[in-house]
PDB file of N, CA and C in Angstrom:
ATOM      1  N   UNK A   1       0.770  -1.195  -0.082  1.00  0.00           N
ATOM      2  CA  UNK A   1      -0.058   0.036   0.079  1.00  0.00           C
ATOM      3  C   UNK A   1       0.866   1.127   0.058  1.00  0.00           C
ATOM      4  N   UNK A   2       0.617   2.259  -1.021  1.00  0.00           N
ATOM      5  CA  UNK A   2       1.391   3.269  -1.072  1.00  0.00           C
ATOM      6  C   UNK A   2       1.175   4.238   0.142  1.00  0.00           C
ATOM      7  N   UNK A   3       2.054   5.130   0.408  1.00  0.00           N
ATOM      8  CA  UNK A   3       2.000   5.987   1.560  1.00  0.00           C
ATOM      9  C   UNK A   3       0.659   6.946   1.548  1.00  0.00           C
ATOM     10  N   UNK A   4       0.440   7.475   0.224  1.00  0.00           N
ATOM     11  CA  UNK A   4      -0.761   8.375   0.156  1.00  0.00           C
ATOM     12  C   UNK A   4      -1.999   7.599   0.498  1.00  0.00           C
ATOM     13  N   UNK A   5      -2.072   6.398  -0.152  1.00  0.00           N
ATOM     14  CA  UNK A   5      -3.239   5.644  -0.010  1.00  0.00           C
ATOM     15  C   UNK A   5      -3.387   5.107   1.578  1.00  0.00           C
ATOM     16  N   UNK A   6      -2.249   4.910   2.214  1.00  0.00           N
ATOM     17  CA  UNK A   6      -2.469   4.364   3.533  1.00  0.00           C
ATOM     18  C   UNK A   6      -2.947   5.579   4.442  1.00  0.00           C
ATOM     19  N   UNK A   7      -2.601   6.936   4.038  1.00  0.00           N
ATOM     20  CA  UNK A   7      -3.117   8.033   4.790  1.00  0.00           C
ATOM     21  C   UNK A   7      -4.714   8.093   4.744  1.00  0.00           C
ATOM     22  N   UNK A   8      -5.221   7.525   3.677  1.00  0.00           N
ATOM     23  CA  UNK A   8      -6.656   7.690   3.380  1.00  0.00           C
ATOM     24  C   UNK A   8      -7.390   6.384   3.807  1.00  0.00           C
ATOM     25  N   UNK A   9      -6.855   5.489   4.245  1.00  0.00           N
ATOM     26  CA  UNK A   9      -7.496   4.239   4.723  1.00  0.00           C
ATOM     27  C   UNK A   9      -6.958   3.888   6.194  1.00  0.00           C
ATOM     28  N   UNK A  10      -7.986   3.812   7.078  1.00  0.00           N
ATOM     29  CA  UNK A  10      -7.594   3.538   8.502  1.00  0.00           C
ATOM     30  C   UNK A  10      -8.562   2.321   9.039  1.00  0.00           C
ATOM     31  N   UNK A  11      -8.065   1.685   9.780  1.00  0.00           N
ATOM     32  CA  UNK A  11      -8.913   0.636  10.505  1.00  0.00           C
ATOM     33  C   UNK A  11      -9.795   1.296  11.534  1.00  0.00           C
ATOM     34  N   UNK A  12     -10.806   0.504  11.989  1.00  0.00           N
ATOM     35  CA  UNK A  12     -11.684   0.963  13.120  1.00  0.00           C
ATOM     36  C   UNK A  12     -10.778   1.255  14.398  1.00  0.00           C
ATOM     37  N   UNK A  13      -9.830   0.338  14.663  1.00  0.00           N
ATOM     38  CA  UNK A  13      -9.002   0.393  15.855  1.00  0.00           C
ATOM     39  C   UNK A  13      -8.188   1.846  15.601  1.00  0.00           C
ATOM     40  N   UNK A  14      -7.610   2.089  14.485  1.00  0.00           N
ATOM     41  CA  UNK A  14      -6.866   3.427  14.306  1.00  0.00           C
ATOM     42  C   UNK A  14      -7.838   4.617  14.821  1.00  0.00           C
ATOM     43  N   UNK A  15      -9.039   4.492  14.066  1.00  0.00           N
ATOM     44  CA  UNK A  15     -10.161   5.592  14.144  1.00  0.00           C
ATOM     45  C   UNK A  15     -10.456   5.790  15.840  1.00  0.00           C
ATOM     46  N   UNK A  16     -10.523   4.588  16.492  1.00  0.00           N
ATOM     47  CA  UNK A  16     -10.787   4.625  17.916  1.00  0.00           C
ATOM     48  C   UNK A  16      -9.863   5.313  18.759  1.00  0.00           C
ATOM     49  N   UNK A  17      -8.464   5.044  18.207  1.00  0.00           N
ATOM     50  CA  UNK A  17      -7.258   5.550  19.057  1.00  0.00           C
ATOM     51  C   UNK A  17      -7.152   7.028  18.662  1.00  0.00           C
ATOM     52  N   UNK A  18      -7.373   7.460  17.412  1.00  0.00           N
ATOM     53  CA  UNK A  18      -6.980   8.740  17.063  1.00  0.00           C
ATOM     54  C   UNK A  18      -8.248   9.426  16.207  1.00  0.00           C
ATOM     55  N   UNK A  19      -9.382   9.464  16.930  1.00  0.00           N
ATOM     56  CA  UNK A  19     -10.465  10.031  16.063  1.00  0.00           C
ATOM     57  C   UNK A  19     -10.274  11.540  15.721  1.00  0.00           C
ATOM     58  N   UNK A  20      -9.711  12.417  16.551  1.00  0.00           N
ATOM     59  CA  UNK A  20      -9.474  13.762  16.403  1.00  0.00           C
ATOM     60  C   UNK A  20      -8.357  14.000  15.257  1.00  0.00           C
ATOM     61  N   UNK A  21      -7.254  13.180  15.273  1.00  0.00           N
ATOM     62  CA  UNK A  21      -6.279  13.342  14.248  1.00  0.00           C
ATOM     63  C   UNK A  21      -6.739  13.030  12.993  1.00  0.00           C
ATOM     64  N   UNK A  22      -7.637  12.021  12.826  1.00  0.00           N
ATOM     65  CA  UNK A  22      -8.227  11.690  11.429  1.00  0.00           C
ATOM     66  C   UNK A  22      -9.253  12.724  10.997  1.00  0.00           C
ATOM     67  N   UNK A  23     -10.040  13.273  12.030  1.00  0.00           N
ATOM     68  CA  UNK A  23     -10.884  14.265  11.583  1.00  0.00           C
ATOM     69  C   UNK A  23     -10.155  15.566  11.170  1.00  0.00           C
ATOM     70  N   UNK A  24      -9.044  15.824  11.721  1.00  0.00           N
ATOM     71  CA  UNK A  24      -8.265  17.079  11.260  1.00  0.00           C
ATOM     72  C   UNK A  24      -7.613  16.848  10.041  1.00  0.00           C
ATOM     73  N   UNK A  25      -7.209  15.646   9.780  1.00  0.00           N
ATOM     74  CA  UNK A  25      -6.648  15.287   8.493  1.00  0.00           C
ATOM     75  C   UNK A  25      -7.465  15.369   7.406  1.00  0.00           C
ATOM     76  N   UNK A  26      -8.839  15.011   7.643  1.00  0.00           N
ATOM     77  CA  UNK A  26      -9.831  15.220   6.553  1.00  0.00           C
ATOM     78  C   UNK A  26     -10.211  16.621   6.297  1.00  0.00           C
ATOM     79  N   UNK A  27     -10.245  17.361   7.528  1.00  0.00           N
ATOM     80  CA  UNK A  27     -10.494  18.842   7.243  1.00  0.00           C
ATOM     81  C   UNK A  27      -9.386  19.574   6.563  1.00  0.00           C
ATOM     82  N   UNK A  28      -8.281  19.237   6.973  1.00  0.00           N
ATOM     83  CA  UNK A  28      -7.007  19.905   6.420  1.00  0.00           C
ATOM     84  C   UNK A  28      -6.922  19.522   4.847  1.00  0.00           C
ATOM     85  N   UNK A  29      -6.890  18.296   4.612  1.00  0.00           N
ATOM     86  CA  UNK A  29      -6.756  17.793   3.007  1.00  0.00           C
ATOM     87  C   UNK A  29      -7.802  17.680   2.394  1.00  0.00           C
ATOM     88  N   UNK A  30      -9.125  17.894   2.930  1.00  0.00           N
ATOM     89  CA  UNK A  30     -10.312  17.692   1.980  1.00  0.00           C
ATOM     90  C   UNK A  30     -10.447  16.475   1.309  1.00  0.00           C
ATOM     91  N   UNK A  31      -9.639  15.359   1.676  1.00  0.00           N
ATOM     92  CA  UNK A  31      -9.657  14.128   1.150  1.00  0.00           C
ATOM     93  C   UNK A  31     -10.367  13.132   2.067  1.00  0.00           C
ATOM     94  N   UNK A  32     -11.215  12.205   1.608  1.00  0.00           N
ATOM     95  CA  UNK A  32     -12.035  11.446   2.462  1.00  0.00           C
ATOM     96  C   UNK A  32     -10.974  10.214   3.004  1.00  0.00           C
ATOM     97  N   UNK A  33     -11.350   9.792   4.138  1.00  0.00           N
ATOM     98  CA  UNK A  33     -10.722   8.690   4.758  1.00  0.00           C
ATOM     99  C   UNK A  33     -11.557   7.549   4.883  1.00  0.00           C
ATOM    100  N   UNK A  34     -11.174   6.352   4.391  1.00  0.00           N
ATOM    101  CA  UNK A  34     -12.078   5.147   4.459  1.00  0.00           C
ATOM    102  C   UNK A  34     -11.661   4.400   5.740  1.00  0.00           C
ATOM    103  N   UNK A  35     -12.685   4.048   6.673  1.00  0.00           N
ATOM    104  CA  UNK A  35     -12.408   3.415   7.790  1.00  0.00           C
ATOM    105  C   UNK A  35     -12.778   1.916   7.546  1.00  0.00           C
ATOM    106  N   UNK A  36     -11.887   0.966   7.672  1.00  0.00           N
ATOM    107  CA  UNK A  36     -12.161  -0.364   7.399  1.00  0.00           C
ATOM    108  C   UNK A  36     -12.659  -1.113   8.673  1.00  0.00           C
ATOM    109  N   UNK A  37     -13.513  -2.092   8.370  1.00  0.00           N
ATOM    110  CA  UNK A  37     -14.066  -2.893   9.424  1.00  0.00           C
ATOM    111  C   UNK A  37     -13.905  -4.439   8.975  1.00  0.00           C
ATOM    112  N   UNK A  38     -13.037  -5.151   9.609  1.00  0.00           N
ATOM    113  CA  UNK A  38     -12.910  -6.559   9.319  1.00  0.00           C
ATOM    114  C   UNK A  38     -12.223  -6.575   8.018  1.00  0.00           C
ATOM    115  N   UNK A  39     -11.351  -5.707   7.624  1.00  0.00           N
ATOM    116  CA  UNK A  39     -10.410  -5.633   6.581  1.00  0.00           C
ATOM    117  C   UNK A  39     -11.272  -5.116   5.338  1.00  0.00           C
ATOM    118  N   UNK A  40     -12.650  -4.683   5.392  1.00  0.00           N
ATOM    119  CA  UNK A  40     -13.398  -4.159   4.237  1.00  0.00           C
ATOM    120  C   UNK A  40     -13.841  -2.811   4.587  1.00  0.00           C
ATOM    121  N   UNK A  41     -13.926  -2.036   3.562  1.00  0.00           N
ATOM    122  CA  UNK A  41     -14.401  -0.629   3.700  1.00  0.00           C
ATOM    123  C   UNK A  41     -15.694  -0.678   4.479  1.00  0.00           C
ATOM    124  N   UNK A  42     -15.801   0.259   5.509  1.00  0.00           N
ATOM    125  CA  UNK A  42     -17.088   0.239   6.250  1.00  0.00           C
ATOM    126  C   UNK A  42     -17.742   1.585   6.119  1.00  0.00           C
ATOM    127  N   UNK A  43     -16.922   2.676   6.403  1.00  0.00           N
ATOM    128  CA  UNK A  43     -17.531   3.947   6.262  1.00  0.00           C
ATOM    129  C   UNK A  43     -16.526   4.818   5.728  1.00  0.00           C
ATOM    130  N   UNK A  44     -16.921   6.083   5.226  1.00  0.00           N
ATOM    131  CA  UNK A  44     -16.053   7.122   4.751  1.00  0.00           C
ATOM    132  C   UNK A  44     -16.230   8.278   5.499  1.00  0.00           C
ATOM    133  N   UNK A  45     -15.217   8.896   5.967  1.00  0.00           N
ATOM    134  CA  UNK A  45     -15.176  10.176   6.759  1.00  0.00           C
ATOM    135  C   UNK A  45     -14.834  11.278   5.698  1.00  0.00           C
ATOM    136  N   UNK A  46     -15.681  12.323   5.512  1.00  0.00           N
ATOM    137  CA  UNK A  46     -15.539  13.354   4.594  1.00  0.00           C
ATOM    138  C   UNK A  46     -15.792  14.710   5.413  1.00  0.00           C
ATOM    139  N   UNK A  47     -15.233  15.724   4.999  1.00  0.00           N
ATOM    140  CA  UNK A  47     -15.490  17.080   5.531  1.00  0.00           C
ATOM    141  C   UNK A  47     -16.981  17.519   5.324  1.00  0.00           C
ATOM    142  N   UNK A  48     -17.546  18.324   6.061  1.00  0.00           N
ATOM    143  CA  UNK A  48     -18.893  18.777   5.818  1.00  0.00           C
ATOM    144  C   UNK A  48     -19.123  19.397   4.548  1.00  0.00           C
ATOM    145  N   UNK A  49     -18.269  20.322   4.007  1.00  0.00           N
ATOM    146  CA  UNK A  49     -18.409  21.095   2.814  1.00  0.00           C
ATOM    147  C   UNK A  49     -18.300  20.055   1.672  1.00  0.00           C
ATOM    148  N   UNK A  50     -17.619  19.155   1.663  1.00  0.00           N
ATOM    149  CA  UNK A  50     -17.477  18.103   0.584  1.00  0.00           C
ATOM    150  C   UNK A  50     -18.736  17.348   0.538  1.00  0.00           C
ATOM    151  N   UNK A  51     -19.211  16.879   1.800  1.00  0.00           N
ATOM    152  CA  UNK A  51     -20.383  16.185   1.974  1.00  0.00           C
ATOM    153  C   UNK A  51     -21.620  17.074   1.256  1.00  0.00           C
ATOM    154  N   UNK A  52     -21.801  18.166   1.718  1.00  0.00           N
ATOM    155  CA  UNK A  52     -22.730  19.080   1.102  1.00  0.00           C
ATOM    156  C   UNK A  52     -22.752  19.263  -0.345  1.00  0.00           C
ATOM    157  N   UNK A  53     -21.527  19.316  -0.973  1.00  0.00           N
ATOM    158  CA  UNK A  53     -21.300  19.319  -2.388  1.00  0.00           C
ATOM    159  C   UNK A  53     -21.849  18.193  -2.997  1.00  0.00           C
ATOM    160  N   UNK A  54     -21.569  16.944  -2.335  1.00  0.00           N
ATOM    161  CA  UNK A  54     -21.907  15.757  -3.065  1.00  0.00           C
ATOM    162  C   UNK A  54     -23.519  15.539  -3.068  1.00  0.00           C
ATOM    163  N   UNK A  55     -24.007  15.913  -1.753  1.00  0.00           N
ATOM    164  CA  UNK A  55     -25.483  15.805  -1.777  1.00  0.00           C
ATOM    165  C   UNK A  55     -26.186  16.697  -2.811  1.00  0.00           C
ATOM    166  N   UNK A  56     -25.598  17.911  -2.957  1.00  0.00           N
ATOM    167  CA  UNK A  56     -26.187  18.904  -3.904  1.00  0.00           C
ATOM    168  C   UNK A  56     -26.002  18.255  -5.412  1.00  0.00           C
ATOM    169  N   UNK A  57     -24.813  17.659  -5.652  1.00  0.00           N
ATOM    170  CA  UNK A  57     -24.643  17.116  -7.039  1.00  0.00           C
ATOM    171  C   UNK A  57     -25.510  15.979  -7.300  1.00  0.00           C
ATOM    172  N   UNK A  58     -25.849  15.045  -6.256  1.00  0.00           N
ATOM    173  CA  UNK A  58     -26.730  14.036  -6.411  1.00  0.00           C
ATOM    174  C   UNK A  58     -28.083  14.377  -6.521  1.00  0.00           C
ATOM    175  N   UNK A  59     -28.533  15.416  -5.841  1.00  0.00           N
ATOM    176  CA  UNK A  59     -29.897  16.051  -6.065  1.00  0.00           C
ATOM    177  C   UNK A  59     -30.109  16.611  -7.475  1.00  0.00           C
ATOM    178  N   UNK A  60     -29.044  17.221  -7.985  1.00  0.00           N
ATOM    179  CA  UNK A  60     -29.168  17.852  -9.267  1.00  0.00           C
ATOM    180  C   UNK A  60     -29.163  16.683 -10.339  1.00  0.00           C
ATOM    181  N   UNK A  61     -28.405  15.638 -10.123  1.00  0.00           N
ATOM    182  CA  UNK A  61     -28.398  14.667 -11.110  1.00  0.00           C
ATOM    183  C   UNK A  61     -29.877  13.899 -11.081  1.00  0.00           C
ATOM    184  N   UNK A  62     -30.465  13.909  -9.985  1.00  0.00           N
ATOM    185  CA  UNK A  62     -31.663  13.328  -9.921  1.00  0.00           C
ATOM    186  C   UNK A  62     -32.832  14.184 -10.606  1.00  0.00           C
ATOM    187  N   UNK A  63     -32.656  15.536 -10.479  1.00  0.00           N
ATOM    188  CA  UNK A  63     -33.457  16.424 -11.231  1.00  0.00           C
ATOM    189  C   UNK A  63     -33.294  16.396 -12.581  1.00  0.00           C
ATOM    190  N   UNK A  64     -32.069  16.312 -12.985  1.00  0.00           N
ATOM    191  CA  UNK A  64     -31.889  16.105 -14.474  1.00  0.00           C
ATOM    192  C   UNK A  64     -32.327  14.883 -15.141  1.00  0.00           C
ATOM    193  N   UNK A  65     -32.219  13.786 -14.264  1.00  0.00           N
ATOM    194  CA  UNK A  65     -32.833  12.508 -14.665  1.00  0.00           C
ATOM    195  C   UNK A  65     -34.314  12.450 -14.961  1.00  0.00           C
ATOM    196  N   UNK A  66     -34.905  13.182 -14.122  1.00  0.00           N
ATOM    197  CA  UNK A  66     -36.394  13.258 -14.240  1.00  0.00           C
ATOM    198  C   UNK A  66     -36.726  14.172 -15.410  1.00  0.00           C
ATOM    199  N   UNK A  67     -35.924  15.236 -15.812  1.00  0.00           N
ATOM    200  CA  UNK A  67     -36.222  16.049 -16.870  1.00  0.00           C
ATOM    201  C   UNK A  67     -35.966  15.149 -18.166  1.00  0.00           C
ATOM    202  N   UNK A  68     -34.875  14.315 -18.046  1.00  0.00           N
ATOM    203  CA  UNK A  68     -34.609  13.592 -19.281  1.00  0.00           C
ATOM    204  C   UNK A  68     -35.682  12.585 -19.584  1.00  0.00           C
ATOM    205  N   UNK A  69     -36.208  11.982 -18.388  1.00  0.00           N
ATOM    206  CA  UNK A  69     -37.382  11.008 -18.580  1.00  0.00           C
ATOM    207  C   UNK A  69     -38.594  11.721 -19.219  1.00  0.00           C
ATOM    208  N   UNK A  70     -38.925  13.041 -18.884  1.00  0.00           N
ATOM    209  CA  UNK A  70     -39.816  13.783 -19.423  1.00  0.00           C
ATOM    210  C   UNK A  70     -39.616  13.920 -20.989  1.00  0.00           C
ATOM    211  N   UNK A  71     -38.439  14.393 -21.254  1.00  0.00           N
ATOM    212  CA  UNK A  71     -38.190  14.452 -22.767  1.00  0.00           C
ATOM    213  C   UNK A  71     -38.372  13.258 -23.522  1.00  0.00           C
ATOM    214  N   UNK A  72     -37.786  12.137 -22.995  1.00  0.00           N
ATOM    215  CA  UNK A  72     -37.968  10.757 -23.659  1.00  0.00           C
ATOM    216  C   UNK A  72     -39.336  10.365 -23.858  1.00  0.00           C
ATOM    217  N   UNK A  73     -40.350  10.793 -22.752  1.00  0.00           N
ATOM    218  CA  UNK A  73     -41.668  10.294 -22.865  1.00  0.00           C
ATOM    219  C   UNK A  73     -42.584  11.405 -23.694  1.00  0.00           C
ATOM    220  N   UNK A  74     -41.832  12.404 -24.206  1.00  0.00           N
ATOM    221  CA  UNK A  74     -42.615  13.480 -25.039  1.00  0.00           C
ATOM    222  C   UNK A  74     -43.450  14.415 -24.172  1.00  0.00           C
ATOM    223  N   UNK A  75     -43.207  14.449 -22.740  1.00  0.00           N
ATOM    224  CA  UNK A  75     -43.778  15.427 -21.893  1.00  0.00           C
ATOM    225  C   UNK A  75     -43.124  16.743 -22.170  1.00  0.00           C
ATOM    226  N   UNK A  76     -43.388  17.604 -23.126  1.00  0.00           N
ATOM    227  CA  UNK A  76     -42.671  18.755 -23.505  1.00  0.00           C
ATOM    228  C   UNK A  76     -43.750  19.851 -23.791  1.00  0.00           C
ATOM    229  N   UNK A  77     -43.398  21.218 -23.576  1.00  0.00           N
ATOM    230  CA  UNK A  77     -44.206  22.250 -23.839  1.00  0.00           C
ATOM    231  C   UNK A  77     -43.260  23.437 -24.388  1.00  0.00           C
ATOM    232  N   UNK A  78     -43.652  24.275 -25.273  1.00  0.00           N
ATOM    233  CA  UNK A  78     -42.839  25.349 -25.757  1.00  0.00           C
ATOM    234  C   UNK A  78     -42.468  26.222 -24.715  1.00  0.00           C
ATOM    235  N   UNK A  79     -41.158  26.679 -24.658  1.00  0.00           N
ATOM    236  CA  UNK A  79     -40.737  27.651 -23.682  1.00  0.00           C
ATOM    237  C   UNK A  79     -41.468  28.822 -23.395  1.00  0.00           C
ATOM    238  N   UNK A  80     -41.943  29.479 -24.597  1.00  0.00           N
ATOM    239  CA  UNK A  80     -42.828  30.696 -24.418  1.00  0.00           C
ATOM    240  C   UNK A  80     -44.124  30.546 -23.732  1.00  0.00           C
ATOM    241  N   UNK A  81     -44.626  29.335 -23.818  1.00  0.00           N
ATOM    242  CA  UNK A  81     -45.855  29.044 -23.172  1.00  0.00           C
ATOM    243  C   UNK A  81     -45.681  28.931 -21.713  1.00  0.00           C
ATOM    244  N   UNK A  82     -44.580  28.227 -21.320  1.00  0.00           N
ATOM    245  CA  UNK A  82     -44.122  28.065 -19.811  1.00  0.00           C
ATOM    246  C   UNK A  82     -43.801  29.546 -19.259  1.00  0.00           C
ATOM    247  N   UNK A  83     -43.183  30.321 -19.945  1.00  0.00           N
ATOM    248  CA  UNK A  83     -42.766  31.661 -19.565  1.00  0.00           C
ATOM    249  C   UNK A  83     -43.942  32.467 -19.289  1.00  0.00           C
ATOM    250  N   UNK A  84     -44.933  32.454 -20.211  1.00  0.00           N
ATOM    251  CA  UNK A  84     -46.101  33.120 -20.088  1.00  0.00           C
ATOM    252  C   UNK A  84     -46.862  32.718 -19.022  1.00  0.00           C
ATOM    253  N   UNK A  85     -46.999  31.392 -18.559  1.00  0.00           N
ATOM    254  CA  UNK A  85     -47.618  30.931 -17.447  1.00  0.00           C
ATOM    255  C   UNK A  85     -46.941  31.382 -16.014  1.00  0.00           C
ATOM    256  N   UNK A  86     -45.572  31.325 -16.114  1.00  0.00           N
ATOM    257  CA  UNK A  86     -44.930  31.748 -14.960  1.00  0.00           C
ATOM    258  C   UNK A  86     -44.977  33.247 -14.644  1.00  0.00           C
ATOM    259  N   UNK A  87     -45.116  34.051 -15.807  1.00  0.00           N
ATOM    260  CA  UNK A  87     -45.586  35.443 -15.625  1.00  0.00           C
ATOM    261  C   UNK A  87     -46.941  35.743 -15.056  1.00  0.00           C
ATOM    262  N   UNK A  88     -47.745  34.927 -15.448  1.00  0.00           N
ATOM    263  CA  UNK A  88     -49.262  35.048 -14.910  1.00  0.00           C
ATOM    264  C   UNK A  88     -49.311  34.679 -13.509  1.00  0.00           C
ATOM    265  N   UNK A  89     -48.451  33.557 -13.094  1.00  0.00           N
ATOM    266  CA  UNK A  89     -48.438  33.021 -11.813  1.00  0.00           C
ATOM    267  C   UNK A  89     -47.847  34.033 -10.909  1.00  0.00           C
ATOM    268  N   UNK A  90     -46.750  34.863 -11.338  1.00  0.00           N
ATOM    269  CA  UNK A  90     -46.023  35.813 -10.529  1.00  0.00           C
ATOM    270  C   UNK A  90     -46.874  36.909 -10.206  1.00  0.00           C
ATOM    271  N   UNK A  91     -47.703  37.359 -11.278  1.00  0.00           N
ATOM    272  CA  UNK A  91     -48.694  38.469 -11.113  1.00  0.00           C
ATOM    273  C   UNK A  91     -49.707  38.244 -10.046  1.00  0.00           C
ATOM    274  N   UNK A  92     -50.287  37.036 -10.107  1.00  0.00           N
ATOM    275  CA  UNK A  92     -51.333  36.638  -9.159  1.00  0.00           C
ATOM    276  C   UNK A  92     -50.834  36.365  -7.816  1.00  0.00           C
ATOM    277  N   UNK A  93     -49.529  36.051  -7.566  1.00  0.00           N
ATOM    278  CA  UNK A  93     -49.192  35.781  -6.302  1.00  0.00           C
ATOM    279  C   UNK A  93     -48.791  37.025  -5.397  1.00  0.00           C
ATOM    280  N   UNK A  94     -48.786  38.041  -6.090  1.00  0.00           N
ATOM    281  CA  UNK A  94     -48.542  39.389  -5.238  1.00  0.00           C
ATOM    282  C   UNK A  94     -49.446  39.823  -4.414  1.00  0.00           C
TER     283      UNK A  94
END
């Protein structure tokens, strides 16, 4: 195992002995650390900002997929029609 890789993979025992050091490493490097359990990946520790970015990216991917399904199914309307409807909705919501 290379040095760079070994920094990013820790056993549960190492995490129990040095939780704050591992958390500090993740926050400093912005690189995830995999915690192994019985020799297999168990959990991944990431900093909060990275986690939030990944959640946002996953949510965006889900929205794009739903849109692509609509396109494939032919559920489309002209943009000018949608914009007119949005304009009417904005005027009535005031």
